[in-house]
Amino acid sequence: MCRNIRVLHNFEPPATEDEVEAAALQYVRKVSGSTRPSAANAEAFAAAVAAVAEATRALLGELVTTAAPRDREVEAAKAKAKAAERYAKS
């Protein structure tokens, strides 16, 4: 599950709200051990996602770096090439 969490820091343009929410959801899914909470746990699950998303926003807002921002298209191309190499038929 957690392999879907992506690096959100130091990108141009910055991480979107959707990306922050998706990362928070994946984190809570991993920690809780379920992709869909039961009705009894739905409220706690949603509250945890909101809290993690808020903590993520705060963290991203305070991080500093001297590195140049990464380009989303370049990073996506690198990931695609790495996946093609990994899953290439021998």
N, C-alpha and C. Protein backbone atom coordinates (compact mmCIF):
# COMPACT_ATOMS: atom_id res chain seq x y z
N MET A 1 0.81 -1.21 0.00
CA MET A 1 0.00 0.00 0.00
C MET A 1 0.85 1.26 0.00
N CYS A 2 1.90 1.32 0.78
CA CYS A 2 2.65 2.57 0.93
C CYS A 2 3.47 2.95 -0.28
N ARG A 3 3.64 2.03 -1.22
CA ARG A 3 4.44 2.41 -2.37
C ARG A 3 3.76 3.49 -3.19
N ASN A 4 2.49 3.76 -2.92
CA ASN A 4 1.77 4.82 -3.63
C ASN A 4 2.01 6.20 -3.03
N ILE A 5 2.66 6.27 -1.90
CA ILE A 5 2.98 7.57 -1.32
C ILE A 5 4.18 8.12 -2.08
N ARG A 6 4.04 9.31 -2.58
CA ARG A 6 5.09 9.95 -3.39
C ARG A 6 5.76 11.07 -2.60
N VAL A 7 6.99 11.36 -2.98
CA VAL A 7 7.69 12.51 -2.42
C VAL A 7 6.93 13.76 -2.83
N LEU A 8 6.66 14.63 -1.89
CA LEU A 8 5.90 15.84 -2.17
C LEU A 8 6.73 17.12 -2.02
N HIS A 9 7.90 17.00 -1.44
CA HIS A 9 8.73 18.17 -1.16
C HIS A 9 9.60 18.55 -2.35
N ASN A 10 9.77 19.83 -2.55
CA ASN A 10 10.70 20.42 -3.51
C ASN A 10 10.33 20.13 -4.96
N PHE A 11 9.07 20.29 -5.29
CA PHE A 11 8.63 20.17 -6.67
C PHE A 11 8.13 21.51 -7.15
N GLU A 12 8.26 21.73 -8.44
CA GLU A 12 7.71 22.92 -9.07
C GLU A 12 6.74 22.46 -10.13
N PRO A 13 5.48 22.73 -10.04
CA PRO A 13 4.78 23.45 -8.99
C PRO A 13 4.67 22.60 -7.72
N PRO A 14 4.40 23.25 -6.59
CA PRO A 14 4.31 22.54 -5.31
C PRO A 14 3.21 21.48 -5.30
N ALA A 15 3.27 20.60 -4.31
CA ALA A 15 2.27 19.55 -4.16
C ALA A 15 0.87 20.14 -4.09
N THR A 16 -0.06 19.46 -4.73
CA THR A 16 -1.44 19.92 -4.71
C THR A 16 -2.14 19.38 -3.47
N GLU A 17 -3.30 19.93 -3.21
CA GLU A 17 -4.12 19.47 -2.09
C GLU A 17 -4.50 18.00 -2.28
N ASP A 18 -4.80 17.62 -3.50
CA ASP A 18 -5.15 16.23 -3.80
C ASP A 18 -3.99 15.28 -3.50
N GLU A 19 -2.77 15.69 -3.82
CA GLU A 19 -1.60 14.85 -3.56
C GLU A 19 -1.37 14.69 -2.06
N VAL A 20 -1.56 15.75 -1.30
CA VAL A 20 -1.41 15.68 0.15
C VAL A 20 -2.46 14.75 0.74
N GLU A 21 -3.70 14.88 0.30
CA GLU A 21 -4.78 14.02 0.79
C GLU A 21 -4.54 12.56 0.43
N ALA A 22 -4.08 12.30 -0.80
CA ALA A 22 -3.82 10.93 -1.23
C ALA A 22 -2.71 10.29 -0.40
N ALA A 23 -1.66 11.05 -0.11
CA ALA A 23 -0.57 10.53 0.71
C ALA A 23 -1.06 10.24 2.13
N ALA A 24 -1.88 11.13 2.67
CA ALA A 24 -2.42 10.93 4.02
C ALA A 24 -3.31 9.69 4.06
N LEU A 25 -4.14 9.52 3.05
CA LEU A 25 -5.01 8.35 2.98
C LEU A 25 -4.19 7.06 2.91
N GLN A 26 -3.16 7.03 2.08
CA GLN A 26 -2.32 5.84 1.97
C GLN A 26 -1.62 5.53 3.30
N TYR A 27 -1.15 6.56 3.97
CA TYR A 27 -0.49 6.37 5.26
C TYR A 27 -1.46 5.75 6.28
N VAL A 28 -2.65 6.31 6.38
CA VAL A 28 -3.64 5.81 7.35
C VAL A 28 -4.06 4.38 6.98
N ARG A 29 -4.20 4.11 5.70
CA ARG A 29 -4.52 2.74 5.27
C ARG A 29 -3.44 1.76 5.72
N LYS A 30 -2.20 2.14 5.55
CA LYS A 30 -1.09 1.27 5.92
C LYS A 30 -1.06 1.04 7.42
N VAL A 31 -1.15 2.10 8.19
CA VAL A 31 -1.08 2.00 9.64
C VAL A 31 -2.26 1.21 10.21
N SER A 32 -3.45 1.43 9.65
CA SER A 32 -4.65 0.76 10.17
C SER A 32 -4.76 -0.68 9.68
N GLY A 33 -4.11 -0.98 8.57
CA GLY A 33 -4.18 -2.32 8.03
C GLY A 33 -5.43 -2.59 7.21
N SER A 34 -6.16 -1.55 6.85
CA SER A 34 -7.34 -1.76 6.03
C SER A 34 -7.49 -0.64 5.00
N THR A 35 -8.02 -1.01 3.85
CA THR A 35 -8.24 0.00 2.82
C THR A 35 -9.60 0.66 2.98
N ARG A 36 -10.52 -0.06 3.61
CA ARG A 36 -11.85 0.48 3.90
C ARG A 36 -12.19 0.18 5.35
N PRO A 37 -12.38 1.21 6.14
CA PRO A 37 -12.73 0.95 7.54
C PRO A 37 -14.18 0.47 7.66
N SER A 38 -14.44 -0.24 8.73
CA SER A 38 -15.82 -0.64 9.00
C SER A 38 -16.62 0.62 9.36
N ALA A 39 -17.92 0.49 9.37
CA ALA A 39 -18.77 1.62 9.72
C ALA A 39 -18.45 2.14 11.12
N ALA A 40 -18.09 1.23 12.02
CA ALA A 40 -17.76 1.62 13.39
C ALA A 40 -16.47 2.44 13.46
N ASN A 41 -15.58 2.24 12.48
CA ASN A 41 -14.29 2.93 12.50
C ASN A 41 -14.18 4.06 11.47
N ALA A 42 -15.21 4.29 10.70
CA ALA A 42 -15.15 5.27 9.62
C ALA A 42 -14.83 6.68 10.12
N GLU A 43 -15.42 7.08 11.21
CA GLU A 43 -15.18 8.43 11.73
C GLU A 43 -13.74 8.59 12.20
N ALA A 44 -13.23 7.60 12.91
CA ALA A 44 -11.84 7.65 13.38
C ALA A 44 -10.87 7.65 12.19
N PHE A 45 -11.18 6.86 11.17
CA PHE A 45 -10.37 6.78 9.96
C PHE A 45 -10.32 8.14 9.27
N ALA A 46 -11.47 8.76 9.07
CA ALA A 46 -11.54 10.07 8.41
C ALA A 46 -10.81 11.14 9.22
N ALA A 47 -10.95 11.09 10.53
CA ALA A 47 -10.26 12.06 11.39
C ALA A 47 -8.75 11.88 11.30
N ALA A 48 -8.30 10.64 11.22
CA ALA A 48 -6.87 10.37 11.10
C ALA A 48 -6.33 10.88 9.77
N VAL A 49 -7.07 10.67 8.70
CA VAL A 49 -6.65 11.17 7.38
C VAL A 49 -6.54 12.69 7.42
N ALA A 50 -7.50 13.36 8.01
CA ALA A 50 -7.47 14.82 8.10
C ALA A 50 -6.28 15.30 8.93
N ALA A 51 -6.01 14.62 10.04
CA ALA A 51 -4.88 15.01 10.90
C ALA A 51 -3.54 14.81 10.20
N VAL A 52 -3.40 13.70 9.50
CA VAL A 52 -2.15 13.43 8.78
C VAL A 52 -1.97 14.43 7.64
N ALA A 53 -3.05 14.75 6.94
CA ALA A 53 -2.97 15.73 5.86
C ALA A 53 -2.56 17.09 6.40
N GLU A 54 -3.12 17.48 7.53
CA GLU A 54 -2.75 18.77 8.13
C GLU A 54 -1.28 18.77 8.56
N ALA A 55 -0.83 17.68 9.16
CA ALA A 55 0.58 17.59 9.56
C ALA A 55 1.49 17.62 8.34
N THR A 56 1.06 17.01 7.25
CA THR A 56 1.84 17.01 6.01
C THR A 56 1.94 18.42 5.44
N ARG A 57 0.82 19.14 5.42
CA ARG A 57 0.83 20.53 4.94
C ARG A 57 1.78 21.38 5.78
N ALA A 58 1.71 21.22 7.09
CA ALA A 58 2.59 21.99 7.98
C ALA A 58 4.05 21.66 7.72
N LEU A 59 4.35 20.38 7.57
CA LEU A 59 5.73 19.97 7.30
C LEU A 59 6.22 20.55 5.98
N LEU A 60 5.44 20.39 4.93
CA LEU A 60 5.86 20.91 3.63
C LEU A 60 6.03 22.42 3.65
N GLY A 61 5.23 23.10 4.44
CA GLY A 61 5.34 24.56 4.54
C GLY A 61 6.58 25.03 5.27
N GLU A 62 7.14 24.18 6.11
CA GLU A 62 8.30 24.58 6.91
C GLU A 62 9.63 24.04 6.41
N LEU A 63 9.61 23.03 5.54
CA LEU A 63 10.86 22.47 5.03
C LEU A 63 11.59 23.48 4.16
N VAL A 64 12.90 23.51 4.28
CA VAL A 64 13.73 24.37 3.45
C VAL A 64 14.79 23.51 2.77
N THR A 65 15.22 23.96 1.61
CA THR A 65 16.26 23.24 0.88
C THR A 65 17.03 24.22 0.01
N THR A 66 18.26 23.85 -0.29
CA THR A 66 19.06 24.66 -1.20
C THR A 66 19.08 24.03 -2.59
N ALA A 67 18.50 22.84 -2.72
CA ALA A 67 18.46 22.15 -4.01
C ALA A 67 17.46 22.81 -4.93
N ALA A 68 17.73 22.71 -6.20
CA ALA A 68 16.79 23.24 -7.20
C ALA A 68 15.52 22.40 -7.19
N PRO A 69 14.36 23.01 -7.41
CA PRO A 69 13.11 22.23 -7.44
C PRO A 69 13.15 21.18 -8.55
N ARG A 70 12.54 20.04 -8.26
CA ARG A 70 12.47 18.97 -9.25
C ARG A 70 11.29 19.21 -10.17
N ASP A 71 11.45 18.75 -11.40
CA ASP A 71 10.41 18.88 -12.41
C ASP A 71 9.57 17.61 -12.41
N ARG A 72 8.26 17.75 -12.34
CA ARG A 72 7.36 16.59 -12.27
C ARG A 72 7.47 15.69 -13.49
N GLU A 73 7.55 16.27 -14.69
CA GLU A 73 7.63 15.46 -15.89
C GLU A 73 8.92 14.66 -15.95
N VAL A 74 10.02 15.27 -15.55
CA VAL A 74 11.32 14.58 -15.56
C VAL A 74 11.29 13.42 -14.57
N GLU A 75 10.77 13.66 -13.38
CA GLU A 75 10.70 12.60 -12.37
C GLU A 75 9.76 11.48 -12.81
N ALA A 76 8.66 11.82 -13.47
CA ALA A 76 7.73 10.80 -13.97
C ALA A 76 8.40 9.95 -15.06
N ALA A 77 9.17 10.59 -15.92
CA ALA A 77 9.88 9.86 -16.98
C ALA A 77 10.91 8.91 -16.38
N LYS A 78 11.62 9.36 -15.35
CA LYS A 78 12.59 8.49 -14.67
C LYS A 78 11.89 7.27 -14.06
N ALA A 79 10.76 7.50 -13.40
CA ALA A 79 10.02 6.41 -12.77
C ALA A 79 9.50 5.43 -13.83
N LYS A 80 9.04 5.95 -14.95
CA LYS A 80 8.53 5.10 -16.02
C LYS A 80 9.66 4.25 -16.61
N ALA A 81 10.83 4.84 -16.81
CA ALA A 81 11.98 4.10 -17.33
C ALA A 81 12.43 3.02 -16.35
N LYS A 82 12.43 3.36 -15.08
CA LYS A 82 12.82 2.39 -14.06
C LYS A 82 11.84 1.22 -14.00
N ALA A 83 10.55 1.52 -14.11
CA ALA A 83 9.53 0.47 -14.11
C ALA A 83 9.65 -0.41 -15.36
N ALA A 84 9.92 0.20 -16.51
CA ALA A 84 10.07 -0.56 -17.74
C ALA A 84 11.25 -1.51 -17.64
N GLU A 85 12.33 -1.05 -17.03
CA GLU A 85 13.51 -1.90 -16.84
C GLU A 85 13.21 -3.02 -15.86
N ARG A 86 12.51 -2.71 -14.80
CA ARG A 86 12.20 -3.69 -13.76
C ARG A 86 11.27 -4.78 -14.29
N TYR A 87 10.30 -4.40 -15.08
CA TYR A 87 9.29 -5.35 -15.54
C TYR A 87 9.51 -5.86 -16.96
N ALA A 88 10.66 -5.55 -17.54
CA ALA A 88 10.96 -6.02 -18.90
C ALA A 88 11.06 -7.54 -18.90
N LYS A 89 10.54 -8.14 -19.96
CA LYS A 89 10.62 -9.60 -20.08
C LYS A 89 12.03 -9.99 -20.48
N SER A 90 12.53 -11.00 -19.83
CA SER A 90 13.90 -11.46 -20.10
C SER A 90 13.94 -12.34 -21.33
